[in-house]
PDB file of all heavy atoms in Angstrom:
ATOM      1  N   LEU A   1     -33.304  37.295  30.549  1.00  0.00           N
ATOM      2  CA  LEU A   1     -34.125  36.150  30.968  1.00  0.00           C
ATOM      3  C   LEU A   1     -35.333  36.493  31.568  1.00  0.00           C
ATOM      4  O   LEU A   1     -36.450  35.857  31.234  1.00  0.00           O
ATOM      5  CB  LEU A   1     -33.271  35.175  31.834  1.00  0.00           C
ATOM      6  CG  LEU A   1     -31.990  34.626  31.229  1.00  0.00           C
ATOM      7  CD1 LEU A   1     -31.243  33.778  32.269  1.00  0.00           C
ATOM      8  CD2 LEU A   1     -32.329  33.786  30.027  1.00  0.00           C
ATOM      9  N   VAL A   2     -35.376  37.456  32.506  1.00  0.00           N
ATOM     10  CA  VAL A   2     -36.643  38.019  33.014  1.00  0.00           C
ATOM     11  C   VAL A   2     -37.574  38.536  32.091  1.00  0.00           C
ATOM     12  O   VAL A   2     -38.823  38.258  32.057  1.00  0.00           O
ATOM     13  CB  VAL A   2     -36.333  38.900  34.227  1.00  0.00           C
ATOM     14  CG1 VAL A   2     -37.655  39.524  34.750  1.00  0.00           C
ATOM     15  CG2 VAL A   2     -35.552  38.322  35.424  1.00  0.00           C
ATOM     16  N   ALA A   3     -36.972  39.349  31.147  1.00  0.00           N
ATOM     17  CA  ALA A   3     -37.837  39.921  30.128  1.00  0.00           C
ATOM     18  C   ALA A   3     -38.621  38.852  29.257  1.00  0.00           C
ATOM     19  O   ALA A   3     -39.703  39.030  28.871  1.00  0.00           O
ATOM     20  CB  ALA A   3     -36.985  40.867  29.247  1.00  0.00           C
ATOM     21  N   VAL A   4     -37.690  37.873  28.878  1.00  0.00           N
ATOM     22  CA  VAL A   4     -38.331  36.736  28.057  1.00  0.00           C
ATOM     23  C   VAL A   4     -39.451  36.083  28.773  1.00  0.00           C
ATOM     24  O   VAL A   4     -40.511  35.803  28.214  1.00  0.00           O
ATOM     25  CB  VAL A   4     -37.273  35.761  27.641  1.00  0.00           C
ATOM     26  CG1 VAL A   4     -37.917  34.516  26.982  1.00  0.00           C
ATOM     27  CG2 VAL A   4     -36.333  36.474  26.627  1.00  0.00           C
ATOM     28  N   SER A   5     -39.303  35.828  30.103  1.00  0.00           N
ATOM     29  CA  SER A   5     -40.245  35.056  30.913  1.00  0.00           C
ATOM     30  C   SER A   5     -41.555  35.919  31.023  1.00  0.00           C
ATOM     31  O   SER A   5     -42.619  35.340  30.821  1.00  0.00           O
ATOM     32  CB  SER A   5     -39.676  34.813  32.280  1.00  0.00           C
ATOM     33  OG  SER A   5     -40.640  34.263  33.123  1.00  0.00           O
ATOM     34  N   TYR A   6     -41.393  37.202  31.270  1.00  0.00           N
ATOM     35  CA  TYR A   6     -42.547  37.983  31.536  1.00  0.00           C
ATOM     36  C   TYR A   6     -43.259  38.206  30.236  1.00  0.00           C
ATOM     37  O   TYR A   6     -44.600  38.238  30.171  1.00  0.00           O
ATOM     38  CB  TYR A   6     -42.110  39.358  32.168  1.00  0.00           C
ATOM     39  CG  TYR A   6     -41.887  39.272  33.671  1.00  0.00           C
ATOM     40  CD1 TYR A   6     -41.569  38.101  34.280  1.00  0.00           C
ATOM     41  CD2 TYR A   6     -41.847  40.417  34.468  1.00  0.00           C
ATOM     42  CE1 TYR A   6     -41.480  37.887  35.571  1.00  0.00           C
ATOM     43  CE2 TYR A   6     -41.649  40.388  35.805  1.00  0.00           C
ATOM     44  CZ  TYR A   6     -41.422  39.140  36.452  1.00  0.00           C
ATOM     45  OH  TYR A   6     -41.151  38.987  37.774  1.00  0.00           O
ATOM     46  N   LEU A   7     -42.592  38.600  29.225  1.00  0.00           N
ATOM     47  CA  LEU A   7     -43.235  38.932  27.902  1.00  0.00           C
ATOM     48  C   LEU A   7     -43.934  37.696  27.345  1.00  0.00           C
ATOM     49  O   LEU A   7     -44.983  37.849  26.794  1.00  0.00           O
ATOM     50  CB  LEU A   7     -42.239  39.502  26.979  1.00  0.00           C
ATOM     51  CG  LEU A   7     -41.734  40.920  27.134  1.00  0.00           C
ATOM     52  CD1 LEU A   7     -40.771  41.277  26.170  1.00  0.00           C
ATOM     53  CD2 LEU A   7     -42.919  41.840  27.103  1.00  0.00           C
ATOM     54  N   SER A   8     -43.385  36.561  27.460  1.00  0.00           N
ATOM     55  CA  SER A   8     -43.991  35.384  26.840  1.00  0.00           C
ATOM     56  C   SER A   8     -45.319  35.133  27.570  1.00  0.00           C
ATOM     57  O   SER A   8     -46.335  34.780  26.936  1.00  0.00           O
ATOM     58  CB  SER A   8     -43.085  34.113  26.893  1.00  0.00           C
ATOM     59  OG  SER A   8     -42.663  33.861  28.310  1.00  0.00           O
ATOM     60  N   VAL A   9     -45.383  35.170  28.868  1.00  0.00           N
ATOM     61  CA  VAL A   9     -46.586  34.961  29.631  1.00  0.00           C
ATOM     62  C   VAL A   9     -47.740  35.950  29.345  1.00  0.00           C
ATOM     63  O   VAL A   9     -48.909  35.659  29.480  1.00  0.00           O
ATOM     64  CB  VAL A   9     -46.361  34.822  31.151  1.00  0.00           C
ATOM     65  CG1 VAL A   9     -46.167  36.176  31.679  1.00  0.00           C
ATOM     66  CG2 VAL A   9     -47.342  33.925  31.791  1.00  0.00           C
ATOM     67  N   ILE A  10     -47.307  37.093  28.899  1.00  0.00           N
ATOM     68  CA  ILE A  10     -48.283  38.166  28.572  1.00  0.00           C
ATOM     69  C   ILE A  10     -48.649  38.137  27.153  1.00  0.00           C
ATOM     70  O   ILE A  10     -49.869  38.179  26.817  1.00  0.00           O
ATOM     71  CB  ILE A  10     -47.754  39.577  28.878  1.00  0.00           C
ATOM     72  CG1 ILE A  10     -47.483  39.806  30.401  1.00  0.00           C
ATOM     73  CG2 ILE A  10     -48.638  40.625  28.441  1.00  0.00           C
ATOM     74  CD1 ILE A  10     -46.717  40.996  30.775  1.00  0.00           C
ATOM     75  N   ALA A  11     -47.688  37.872  26.226  1.00  0.00           N
ATOM     76  CA  ALA A  11     -48.028  38.030  24.796  1.00  0.00           C
ATOM     77  C   ALA A  11     -48.651  36.663  24.340  1.00  0.00           C
ATOM     78  O   ALA A  11     -49.597  36.839  23.473  1.00  0.00           O
ATOM     79  CB  ALA A  11     -46.672  38.252  24.018  1.00  0.00           C
ATOM     80  N   TRP A  12     -48.201  35.598  24.673  1.00  0.00           N
ATOM     81  CA  TRP A  12     -48.736  34.397  23.986  1.00  0.00           C
ATOM     82  C   TRP A  12     -50.249  34.100  24.110  1.00  0.00           C
ATOM     83  O   TRP A  12     -50.833  33.801  23.204  1.00  0.00           O
ATOM     84  CB  TRP A  12     -47.965  33.162  24.583  1.00  0.00           C
ATOM     85  CG  TRP A  12     -46.527  33.000  24.009  1.00  0.00           C
ATOM     86  CD1 TRP A  12     -46.004  33.753  23.015  1.00  0.00           C
ATOM     87  CD2 TRP A  12     -45.506  32.077  24.406  1.00  0.00           C
ATOM     88  NE1 TRP A  12     -44.763  33.386  22.720  1.00  0.00           N
ATOM     89  CE2 TRP A  12     -44.396  32.356  23.597  1.00  0.00           C
ATOM     90  CE3 TRP A  12     -45.506  31.070  25.312  1.00  0.00           C
ATOM     91  CZ2 TRP A  12     -43.195  31.624  23.777  1.00  0.00           C
ATOM     92  CZ3 TRP A  12     -44.364  30.372  25.447  1.00  0.00           C
ATOM     93  CH2 TRP A  12     -43.233  30.573  24.636  1.00  0.00           C
ATOM     94  N   PRO A  13     -50.751  34.351  25.303  1.00  0.00           N
ATOM     95  CA  PRO A  13     -52.307  34.229  25.393  1.00  0.00           C
ATOM     96  C   PRO A  13     -52.986  35.101  24.531  1.00  0.00           C
ATOM     97  O   PRO A  13     -54.066  34.850  23.847  1.00  0.00           O
ATOM     98  CB  PRO A  13     -52.571  34.478  26.875  1.00  0.00           C
ATOM     99  CG  PRO A  13     -51.392  34.102  27.613  1.00  0.00           C
ATOM    100  CD  PRO A  13     -50.216  34.541  26.646  1.00  0.00           C
ATOM    101  N   CYS A  14     -52.501  36.463  24.385  1.00  0.00           N
ATOM    102  CA  CYS A  14     -53.157  37.405  23.468  1.00  0.00           C
ATOM    103  C   CYS A  14     -53.084  37.015  22.057  1.00  0.00           C
ATOM    104  O   CYS A  14     -54.120  37.088  21.284  1.00  0.00           O
ATOM    105  CB  CYS A  14     -52.579  38.655  23.725  1.00  0.00           C
ATOM    106  SG  CYS A  14     -52.858  39.352  25.491  1.00  0.00           S
ATOM    107  N   TYR A  15     -51.887  36.601  21.697  1.00  0.00           N
ATOM    108  CA  TYR A  15     -51.723  36.244  20.199  1.00  0.00           C
ATOM    109  C   TYR A  15     -52.555  34.900  19.909  1.00  0.00           C
ATOM    110  O   TYR A  15     -53.124  34.741  18.805  1.00  0.00           O
ATOM    111  CB  TYR A  15     -50.310  35.896  19.895  1.00  0.00           C
ATOM    112  CG  TYR A  15     -49.507  37.203  19.749  1.00  0.00           C
ATOM    113  CD1 TYR A  15     -48.564  37.525  20.657  1.00  0.00           C
ATOM    114  CD2 TYR A  15     -49.717  37.975  18.501  1.00  0.00           C
ATOM    115  CE1 TYR A  15     -47.807  38.766  20.400  1.00  0.00           C
ATOM    116  CE2 TYR A  15     -49.057  39.164  18.369  1.00  0.00           C
ATOM    117  CZ  TYR A  15     -48.069  39.546  19.206  1.00  0.00           C
ATOM    118  OH  TYR A  15     -47.321  40.712  19.082  1.00  0.00           O
ATOM    119  N   ALA A  16     -52.653  34.018  20.861  1.00  0.00           N
ATOM    120  CA  ALA A  16     -53.426  32.705  20.710  1.00  0.00           C
ATOM    121  C   ALA A  16     -54.893  33.105  20.580  1.00  0.00           C
ATOM    122  O   ALA A  16     -55.630  32.573  19.822  1.00  0.00           O
ATOM    123  CB  ALA A  16     -53.250  31.889  21.863  1.00  0.00           C
ATOM    124  N   PHE A  17     -55.358  34.115  21.362  1.00  0.00           N
ATOM    125  CA  PHE A  17     -56.693  34.504  21.346  1.00  0.00           C
ATOM    126  C   PHE A  17     -57.057  35.025  19.918  1.00  0.00           C
ATOM    127  O   PHE A  17     -58.248  34.748  19.348  1.00  0.00           O
ATOM    128  CB  PHE A  17     -56.983  35.536  22.476  1.00  0.00           C
ATOM    129  CG  PHE A  17     -58.368  36.151  22.407  1.00  0.00           C
ATOM    130  CD1 PHE A  17     -59.433  35.427  22.907  1.00  0.00           C
ATOM    131  CD2 PHE A  17     -58.618  37.409  21.804  1.00  0.00           C
ATOM    132  CE1 PHE A  17     -60.686  36.010  22.912  1.00  0.00           C
ATOM    133  CE2 PHE A  17     -59.850  37.845  21.641  1.00  0.00           C
ATOM    134  CZ  PHE A  17     -60.845  37.313  22.280  1.00  0.00           C
ATOM    135  N   VAL A  18     -56.218  35.909  19.438  1.00  0.00           N
ATOM    136  CA  VAL A  18     -56.423  36.481  18.095  1.00  0.00           C
ATOM    137  C   VAL A  18     -56.412  35.375  17.044  1.00  0.00           C
ATOM    138  O   VAL A  18     -57.149  35.440  16.109  1.00  0.00           O
ATOM    139  CB  VAL A  18     -55.522  37.591  17.820  1.00  0.00           C
ATOM    140  CG1 VAL A  18     -55.569  38.079  16.322  1.00  0.00           C
ATOM    141  CG2 VAL A  18     -55.560  38.732  18.697  1.00  0.00           C
ATOM    142  N   LEU A  19     -55.450  34.418  17.136  1.00  0.00           N
ATOM    143  CA  LEU A  19     -55.502  33.340  16.162  1.00  0.00           C
ATOM    144  C   LEU A  19     -56.729  32.527  16.080  1.00  0.00           C
ATOM    145  O   LEU A  19     -57.204  32.148  15.082  1.00  0.00           O
ATOM    146  CB  LEU A  19     -54.293  32.470  16.491  1.00  0.00           C
ATOM    147  CG  LEU A  19     -54.119  31.229  15.610  1.00  0.00           C
ATOM    148  CD1 LEU A  19     -53.728  31.642  14.227  1.00  0.00           C
ATOM    149  CD2 LEU A  19     -52.934  30.370  16.159  1.00  0.00           C
ATOM    150  N   ILE A  20     -57.294  32.288  17.274  1.00  0.00           N
ATOM    151  CA  ILE A  20     -58.554  31.451  17.375  1.00  0.00           C
ATOM    152  C   ILE A  20     -59.724  32.272  16.957  1.00  0.00           C
ATOM    153  O   ILE A  20     -60.709  31.691  16.188  1.00  0.00           O
ATOM    154  CB  ILE A  20     -58.719  31.021  18.858  1.00  0.00           C
ATOM    155  CG1 ILE A  20     -57.647  30.125  19.202  1.00  0.00           C
ATOM    156  CG2 ILE A  20     -60.110  30.349  19.050  1.00  0.00           C
ATOM    157  CD1 ILE A  20     -57.655  29.808  20.825  1.00  0.00           C
ATOM    158  N   ASN A  21     -59.695  33.609  17.034  1.00  0.00           N
ATOM    159  CA  ASN A  21     -60.928  34.372  16.680  1.00  0.00           C
ATOM    160  C   ASN A  21     -60.717  35.352  15.684  1.00  0.00           C
ATOM    161  O   ASN A  21     -61.512  36.346  15.635  1.00  0.00           O
ATOM    162  CB  ASN A  21     -61.414  35.034  18.093  1.00  0.00           C
ATOM    163  CG  ASN A  21     -61.862  34.121  19.148  1.00  0.00           C
ATOM    164  OD1 ASN A  21     -62.793  33.483  19.195  1.00  0.00           O
ATOM    165  ND2 ASN A  21     -60.891  33.889  20.131  1.00  0.00           N
ATOM    166  N   ALA A  22     -59.764  35.174  14.804  1.00  0.00           N
ATOM    167  CA  ALA A  22     -59.417  36.212  13.737  1.00  0.00           C
ATOM    168  C   ALA A  22     -60.654  36.601  12.921  1.00  0.00           C
ATOM    169  O   ALA A  22     -60.893  37.829  12.788  1.00  0.00           O
ATOM    170  CB  ALA A  22     -58.246  35.649  12.922  1.00  0.00           C
ATOM    171  N   ALA A  23     -61.333  35.681  12.413  1.00  0.00           N
ATOM    172  CA  ALA A  23     -62.425  36.108  11.461  1.00  0.00           C
ATOM    173  C   ALA A  23     -63.616  36.925  12.218  1.00  0.00           C
ATOM    174  O   ALA A  23     -63.999  37.899  11.738  1.00  0.00           O
ATOM    175  CB  ALA A  23     -63.043  34.828  10.905  1.00  0.00           C
ATOM    176  N   GLN A  24     -63.861  36.377  13.468  1.00  0.00           N
ATOM    177  CA  GLN A  24     -64.904  37.167  14.242  1.00  0.00           C
ATOM    178  C   GLN A  24     -64.443  38.546  14.646  1.00  0.00           C
ATOM    179  O   GLN A  24     -65.233  39.505  14.599  1.00  0.00           O
ATOM    180  CB  GLN A  24     -65.338  36.296  15.459  1.00  0.00           C
ATOM    181  CG  GLN A  24     -66.051  35.105  15.106  1.00  0.00           C
ATOM    182  CD  GLN A  24     -65.060  33.931  15.190  1.00  0.00           C
ATOM    183  OE1 GLN A  24     -63.916  34.070  14.648  1.00  0.00           O
ATOM    184  NE2 GLN A  24     -65.379  32.810  15.769  1.00  0.00           N
TER     185      GLN A  24
END
């Protein structure tokens, strides 16, 4: 449960950033 909590808060913003700016 701790691993899921920590990884999601680190991973999701980074993946969202790439999704928004993929072409650039």
